[in-house]
Amino acid sequence: MEYLYHQIPKNMFGTLLYPLNVLKETHPEIYAEHAKKYVGREQLLTATVPPLNCLWNDVLHFTAIAPR
């Protein structure tokens, strides 16, 4: 069986994961809180992920390696 891992933020609520750009439209207060992580590297908010042809913050970031 294959798994994908995503660390659960301490302040997470609900059962769905949304890309940052979706939060910007649907939950602006949550977006503002999480966008603080990009202070000093704001260029990532408009960076394109070439193989996917989408923006960096349209992607949910997972790993196939267990976090342990």
PDB file of N, CA and C in Angstrom:
ATOM      1  N   MET A   1       0.848  -1.176   0.000  1.00  0.00           N
ATOM      2  CA  MET A   1       0.000   0.000   0.000  1.00  0.00           C
ATOM      3  C   MET A   1       0.896   1.242   0.000  1.00  0.00           C
ATOM      4  N   GLU A   2       0.510   2.278  -0.740  1.00  0.00           N
ATOM      5  CA  GLU A   2       1.285   3.504  -0.836  1.00  0.00           C
ATOM      6  C   GLU A   2       0.639   4.597   0.019  1.00  0.00           C
ATOM      7  N   TYR A   3       1.462   5.480   0.584  1.00  0.00           N
ATOM      8  CA  TYR A   3       0.979   6.555   1.430  1.00  0.00           C
ATOM      9  C   TYR A   3       1.601   7.876   1.021  1.00  0.00           C
ATOM     10  N   LEU A   4       0.904   8.952   1.289  1.00  0.00           N
ATOM     11  CA  LEU A   4       1.451  10.297   1.196  1.00  0.00           C
ATOM     12  C   LEU A   4       1.347  10.913   2.578  1.00  0.00           C
ATOM     13  N   TYR A   5       2.342  11.694   2.965  1.00  0.00           N
ATOM     14  CA  TYR A   5       2.377  12.274   4.299  1.00  0.00           C
ATOM     15  C   TYR A   5       2.289  13.792   4.232  1.00  0.00           C
ATOM     16  N   HIS A   6       1.555  14.347   5.172  1.00  0.00           N
ATOM     17  CA  HIS A   6       1.452  15.796   5.305  1.00  0.00           C
ATOM     18  C   HIS A   6       1.400  16.094   6.793  1.00  0.00           C
ATOM     19  N   GLN A   7       2.298  16.924   7.263  1.00  0.00           N
ATOM     20  CA  GLN A   7       2.311  17.266   8.674  1.00  0.00           C
ATOM     21  C   GLN A   7       1.061  18.074   9.008  1.00  0.00           C
ATOM     22  N   ILE A   8       0.434  17.764  10.109  1.00  0.00           N
ATOM     23  CA  ILE A   8      -0.772  18.472  10.532  1.00  0.00           C
ATOM     24  C   ILE A   8      -0.351  19.688  11.349  1.00  0.00           C
ATOM     25  N   PRO A   9      -0.680  20.894  10.863  1.00  0.00           N
ATOM     26  CA  PRO A   9      -0.349  22.093  11.629  1.00  0.00           C
ATOM     27  C   PRO A   9      -1.078  22.094  12.982  1.00  0.00           C
ATOM     28  N   LYS A  10      -0.463  22.686  13.986  1.00  0.00           N
ATOM     29  CA  LYS A  10      -1.062  22.728  15.324  1.00  0.00           C
ATOM     30  C   LYS A  10      -2.409  23.432  15.322  1.00  0.00           C
ATOM     31  N   ASN A  11      -2.579  24.438  14.465  1.00  0.00           N
ATOM     32  CA  ASN A  11      -3.813  25.212  14.471  1.00  0.00           C
ATOM     33  C   ASN A  11      -4.784  24.774  13.365  1.00  0.00           C
ATOM     34  N   MET A  12      -4.630  23.553  12.859  1.00  0.00           N
ATOM     35  CA  MET A  12      -5.505  23.069  11.792  1.00  0.00           C
ATOM     36  C   MET A  12      -6.870  22.714  12.357  1.00  0.00           C
ATOM     37  N   PHE A  13      -7.891  23.036  11.575  1.00  0.00           N
ATOM     38  CA  PHE A  13      -9.234  22.615  11.941  1.00  0.00           C
ATOM     39  C   PHE A  13      -9.912  22.093  10.690  1.00  0.00           C
ATOM     40  N   GLY A  14     -10.927  21.255  10.861  1.00  0.00           N
ATOM     41  CA  GLY A  14     -11.620  20.682   9.716  1.00  0.00           C
ATOM     42  C   GLY A  14     -10.917  19.425   9.225  1.00  0.00           C
ATOM     43  N   THR A  15     -11.388  18.917   8.095  1.00  0.00           N
ATOM     44  CA  THR A  15     -10.865  17.659   7.569  1.00  0.00           C
ATOM     45  C   THR A  15     -10.351  17.771   6.132  1.00  0.00           C
ATOM     46  N   LEU A  16     -10.363  18.966   5.555  1.00  0.00           N
ATOM     47  CA  LEU A  16      -9.922  19.159   4.177  1.00  0.00           C
ATOM     48  C   LEU A  16      -8.666  20.014   4.121  1.00  0.00           C
ATOM     49  N   LEU A  17      -7.800  19.712   3.173  1.00  0.00           N
ATOM     50  CA  LEU A  17      -6.610  20.522   2.918  1.00  0.00           C
ATOM     51  C   LEU A  17      -6.870  21.367   1.687  1.00  0.00           C
ATOM     52  N   TYR A  18      -6.545  22.649   1.756  1.00  0.00           N
ATOM     53  CA  TYR A  18      -6.735  23.565   0.641  1.00  0.00           C
ATOM     54  C   TYR A  18      -5.405  24.205   0.268  1.00  0.00           C
ATOM     55  N   PRO A  19      -5.153  24.403  -1.022  1.00  0.00           N
ATOM     56  CA  PRO A  19      -3.967  25.167  -1.419  1.00  0.00           C
ATOM     57  C   PRO A  19      -4.080  26.605  -0.926  1.00  0.00           C
ATOM     58  N   LEU A  20      -2.956  27.251  -0.754  1.00  0.00           N
ATOM     59  CA  LEU A  20      -2.926  28.617  -0.232  1.00  0.00           C
ATOM     60  C   LEU A  20      -3.768  29.570  -1.079  1.00  0.00           C
ATOM     61  N   ASN A  21      -3.716  29.429  -2.409  1.00  0.00           N
ATOM     62  CA  ASN A  21      -4.509  30.315  -3.267  1.00  0.00           C
ATOM     63  C   ASN A  21      -6.011  30.149  -3.063  1.00  0.00           C
ATOM     64  N   VAL A  22      -6.458  28.957  -2.736  1.00  0.00           N
ATOM     65  CA  VAL A  22      -7.885  28.744  -2.459  1.00  0.00           C
ATOM     66  C   VAL A  22      -8.250  29.422  -1.145  1.00  0.00           C
ATOM     67  N   LEU A  23      -7.381  29.293  -0.147  1.00  0.00           N
ATOM     68  CA  LEU A  23      -7.640  29.960   1.133  1.00  0.00           C
ATOM     69  C   LEU A  23      -7.740  31.472   0.967  1.00  0.00           C
ATOM     70  N   LYS A  24      -6.974  32.019   0.046  1.00  0.00           N
ATOM     71  CA  LYS A  24      -6.995  33.469  -0.190  1.00  0.00           C
ATOM     72  C   LYS A  24      -8.399  33.938  -0.553  1.00  0.00           C
ATOM     73  N   GLU A  25      -9.126  33.121  -1.299  1.00  0.00           N
ATOM     74  CA  GLU A  25     -10.488  33.467  -1.725  1.00  0.00           C
ATOM     75  C   GLU A  25     -11.548  33.055  -0.709  1.00  0.00           C
ATOM     76  N   THR A  26     -11.398  31.866  -0.125  1.00  0.00           N
ATOM     77  CA  THR A  26     -12.458  31.326   0.727  1.00  0.00           C
ATOM     78  C   THR A  26     -12.330  31.683   2.204  1.00  0.00           C
ATOM     79  N   HIS A  27     -11.108  31.796   2.690  1.00  0.00           N
ATOM     80  CA  HIS A  27     -10.849  32.093   4.106  1.00  0.00           C
ATOM     81  C   HIS A  27      -9.688  33.078   4.210  1.00  0.00           C
ATOM     82  N   PRO A  28      -9.902  34.353   3.879  1.00  0.00           N
ATOM     83  CA  PRO A  28      -8.803  35.323   3.843  1.00  0.00           C
ATOM     84  C   PRO A  28      -8.040  35.458   5.158  1.00  0.00           C
ATOM     85  N   GLU A  29      -8.705  35.279   6.288  1.00  0.00           N
ATOM     86  CA  GLU A  29      -8.015  35.415   7.574  1.00  0.00           C
ATOM     87  C   GLU A  29      -7.032  34.264   7.781  1.00  0.00           C
ATOM     88  N   ILE A  30      -7.383  33.070   7.338  1.00  0.00           N
ATOM     89  CA  ILE A  30      -6.481  31.919   7.448  1.00  0.00           C
ATOM     90  C   ILE A  30      -5.335  32.080   6.446  1.00  0.00           C
ATOM     91  N   TYR A  31      -5.659  32.560   5.246  1.00  0.00           N
ATOM     92  CA  TYR A  31      -4.625  32.825   4.243  1.00  0.00           C
ATOM     93  C   TYR A  31      -3.579  33.798   4.800  1.00  0.00           C
ATOM     94  N   ALA A  32      -4.031  34.878   5.395  1.00  0.00           N
ATOM     95  CA  ALA A  32      -3.113  35.894   5.920  1.00  0.00           C
ATOM     96  C   ALA A  32      -2.168  35.286   6.957  1.00  0.00           C
ATOM     97  N   GLU A  33      -2.689  34.408   7.786  1.00  0.00           N
ATOM     98  CA  GLU A  33      -1.868  33.759   8.808  1.00  0.00           C
ATOM     99  C   GLU A  33      -0.803  32.866   8.172  1.00  0.00           C
ATOM    100  N   HIS A  34      -1.185  32.064   7.190  1.00  0.00           N
ATOM    101  CA  HIS A  34      -0.243  31.132   6.569  1.00  0.00           C
ATOM    102  C   HIS A  34       0.690  31.820   5.576  1.00  0.00           C
ATOM    103  N   ALA A  35       0.266  32.927   4.990  1.00  0.00           N
ATOM    104  CA  ALA A  35       1.121  33.663   4.054  1.00  0.00           C
ATOM    105  C   ALA A  35       2.314  34.287   4.768  1.00  0.00           C
ATOM    106  N   LYS A  36       2.218  34.452   6.095  1.00  0.00           N
ATOM    107  CA  LYS A  36       3.342  35.000   6.875  1.00  0.00           C
ATOM    108  C   LYS A  36       4.592  34.126   6.744  1.00  0.00           C
ATOM    109  N   LYS A  37       4.413  32.849   6.427  1.00  0.00           N
ATOM    110  CA  LYS A  37       5.543  31.927   6.278  1.00  0.00           C
ATOM    111  C   LYS A  37       6.445  32.324   5.114  1.00  0.00           C
ATOM    112  N   TYR A  38       5.918  33.163   4.213  1.00  0.00           N
ATOM    113  CA  TYR A  38       6.660  33.527   3.007  1.00  0.00           C
ATOM    114  C   TYR A  38       7.309  34.907   3.092  1.00  0.00           C
ATOM    115  N   VAL A  39       7.295  35.518   4.263  1.00  0.00           N
ATOM    116  CA  VAL A  39       7.961  36.817   4.427  1.00  0.00           C
ATOM    117  C   VAL A  39       9.451  36.627   4.136  1.00  0.00           C
ATOM    118  N   GLY A  40       9.968  37.446   3.239  1.00  0.00           N
ATOM    119  CA  GLY A  40      11.360  37.339   2.835  1.00  0.00           C
ATOM    120  C   GLY A  40      11.572  36.444   1.632  1.00  0.00           C
ATOM    121  N   ARG A  41      10.561  35.700   1.262  1.00  0.00           N
ATOM    122  CA  ARG A  41      10.638  34.859   0.061  1.00  0.00           C
ATOM    123  C   ARG A  41       9.319  34.903  -0.709  1.00  0.00           C
ATOM    124  N   GLU A  42       8.782  36.122  -0.819  1.00  0.00           N
ATOM    125  CA  GLU A  42       7.501  36.359  -1.470  1.00  0.00           C
ATOM    126  C   GLU A  42       7.471  35.908  -2.926  1.00  0.00           C
ATOM    127  N   GLN A  43       8.654  35.798  -3.555  1.00  0.00           N
ATOM    128  CA  GLN A  43       8.700  35.374  -4.952  1.00  0.00           C
ATOM    129  C   GLN A  43       8.093  33.987  -5.142  1.00  0.00           C
ATOM    130  N   LEU A  44       8.081  33.165  -4.094  1.00  0.00           N
ATOM    131  CA  LEU A  44       7.475  31.837  -4.200  1.00  0.00           C
ATOM    132  C   LEU A  44       5.960  31.918  -4.427  1.00  0.00           C
ATOM    133  N   LEU A  45       5.341  32.988  -3.948  1.00  0.00           N
ATOM    134  CA  LEU A  45       3.886  33.116  -4.097  1.00  0.00           C
ATOM    135  C   LEU A  45       3.460  33.287  -5.552  1.00  0.00           C
ATOM    136  N   THR A  46       4.407  33.649  -6.415  1.00  0.00           N
ATOM    137  CA  THR A  46       4.090  33.786  -7.844  1.00  0.00           C
ATOM    138  C   THR A  46       4.945  32.859  -8.702  1.00  0.00           C
ATOM    139  N   ALA A  47       5.696  31.963  -8.065  1.00  0.00           N
ATOM    140  CA  ALA A  47       6.554  31.030  -8.800  1.00  0.00           C
ATOM    141  C   ALA A  47       5.722  29.918  -9.428  1.00  0.00           C
ATOM    142  N   THR A  48       6.144  29.489 -10.616  1.00  0.00           N
ATOM    143  CA  THR A  48       5.462  28.408 -11.321  1.00  0.00           C
ATOM    144  C   THR A  48       6.198  27.094 -11.079  1.00  0.00           C
ATOM    145  N   VAL A  49       5.434  26.007 -10.926  1.00  0.00           N
ATOM    146  CA  VAL A  49       6.001  24.664 -10.831  1.00  0.00           C
ATOM    147  C   VAL A  49       5.926  24.086 -12.248  1.00  0.00           C
ATOM    148  N   PRO A  50       7.052  24.101 -12.995  1.00  0.00           N
ATOM    149  CA  PRO A  50       7.026  23.759 -14.417  1.00  0.00           C
ATOM    150  C   PRO A  50       6.345  22.425 -14.778  1.00  0.00           C
ATOM    151  N   PRO A  51       6.663  21.311 -14.091  1.00  0.00           N
ATOM    152  CA  PRO A  51       6.025  20.057 -14.531  1.00  0.00           C
ATOM    153  C   PRO A  51       4.497  20.072 -14.374  1.00  0.00           C
ATOM    154  N   LEU A  52       4.013  20.886 -13.453  1.00  0.00           N
ATOM    155  CA  LEU A  52       2.564  20.929 -13.204  1.00  0.00           C
ATOM    156  C   LEU A  52       1.882  22.108 -13.884  1.00  0.00           C
ATOM    157  N   ASN A  53       2.690  23.071 -14.352  1.00  0.00           N
ATOM    158  CA  ASN A  53       2.174  24.277 -14.996  1.00  0.00           C
ATOM    159  C   ASN A  53       1.145  24.993 -14.115  1.00  0.00           C
ATOM    160  N   CYS A  54       1.508  25.170 -12.851  1.00  0.00           N
ATOM    161  CA  CYS A  54       0.638  25.891 -11.919  1.00  0.00           C
ATOM    162  C   CYS A  54       1.525  26.662 -10.944  1.00  0.00           C
ATOM    163  N   LEU A  55       0.914  27.481 -10.132  1.00  0.00           N
ATOM    164  CA  LEU A  55       1.663  28.264  -9.148  1.00  0.00           C
ATOM    165  C   LEU A  55       2.042  27.417  -7.945  1.00  0.00           C
ATOM    166  N   TRP A  56       3.141  27.821  -7.305  1.00  0.00           N
ATOM    167  CA  TRP A  56       3.646  27.139  -6.107  1.00  0.00           C
ATOM    168  C   TRP A  56       2.555  26.999  -5.044  1.00  0.00           C
ATOM    169  N   ASN A  57       1.790  28.062  -4.819  1.00  0.00           N
ATOM    170  CA  ASN A  57       0.789  28.003  -3.754  1.00  0.00           C
ATOM    171  C   ASN A  57      -0.561  27.488  -4.246  1.00  0.00           C
ATOM    172  N   ASP A  58      -0.593  26.857  -5.441  1.00  0.00           N
ATOM    173  CA  ASP A  58      -1.758  26.089  -5.890  1.00  0.00           C
ATOM    174  C   ASP A  58      -1.540  24.600  -5.620  1.00  0.00           C
ATOM    175  N   VAL A  59      -0.363  24.266  -5.081  1.00  0.00           N
ATOM    176  CA  VAL A  59       0.029  22.874  -4.883  1.00  0.00           C
ATOM    177  C   VAL A  59      -0.007  22.541  -3.389  1.00  0.00           C
ATOM    178  N   LEU A  60      -0.523  21.360  -3.057  1.00  0.00           N
ATOM    179  CA  LEU A  60      -0.403  20.847  -1.696  1.00  0.00           C
ATOM    180  C   LEU A  60       0.905  20.070  -1.641  1.00  0.00           C
ATOM    181  N   HIS A  61       1.734  20.355  -0.666  1.00  0.00           N
ATOM    182  CA  HIS A  61       3.058  19.759  -0.582  1.00  0.00           C
ATOM    183  C   HIS A  61       3.034  18.538   0.326  1.00  0.00           C
ATOM    184  N   PHE A  62       3.345  17.394  -0.254  1.00  0.00           N
ATOM    185  CA  PHE A  62       3.365  16.123   0.450  1.00  0.00           C
ATOM    186  C   PHE A  62       4.734  15.485   0.276  1.00  0.00           C
ATOM    187  N   THR A  63       4.966  14.419   1.006  1.00  0.00           N
ATOM    188  CA  THR A  63       6.172  13.618   0.828  1.00  0.00           C
ATOM    189  C   THR A  63       5.791  12.150   0.853  1.00  0.00           C
ATOM    190  N   ALA A  64       6.497  11.354   0.102  1.00  0.00           N
ATOM    191  CA  ALA A  64       6.276   9.901   0.111  1.00  0.00           C
ATOM    192  C   ALA A  64       7.131   9.230   1.168  1.00  0.00           C
ATOM    193  N   ILE A  65       7.915  10.013   1.894  1.00  0.00           N
ATOM    194  CA  ILE A  65       8.789   9.489   2.944  1.00  0.00           C
ATOM    195  C   ILE A  65       8.153   9.787   4.295  1.00  0.00           C
ATOM    196  N   ALA A  66       8.031   8.768   5.109  1.00  0.00           N
ATOM    197  CA  ALA A  66       7.448   8.945   6.440  1.00  0.00           C
ATOM    198  C   ALA A  66       8.215  10.006   7.213  1.00  0.00           C
ATOM    199  N   PRO A  67       7.526  10.893   7.918  1.00  0.00           N
ATOM    200  CA  PRO A  67       8.195  11.984   8.619  1.00  0.00           C
ATOM    201  C   PRO A  67       9.107  11.545   9.769  1.00  0.00           C
ATOM    202  N   ARG A  68       9.049  10.314  10.193  1.00  0.00           N
ATOM    203  CA  ARG A  68       9.929   9.834  11.253  1.00  0.00           C
ATOM    204  C   ARG A  68      11.315   9.726  10.714  1.00  0.00           C
TER     205      ARG A  68
END
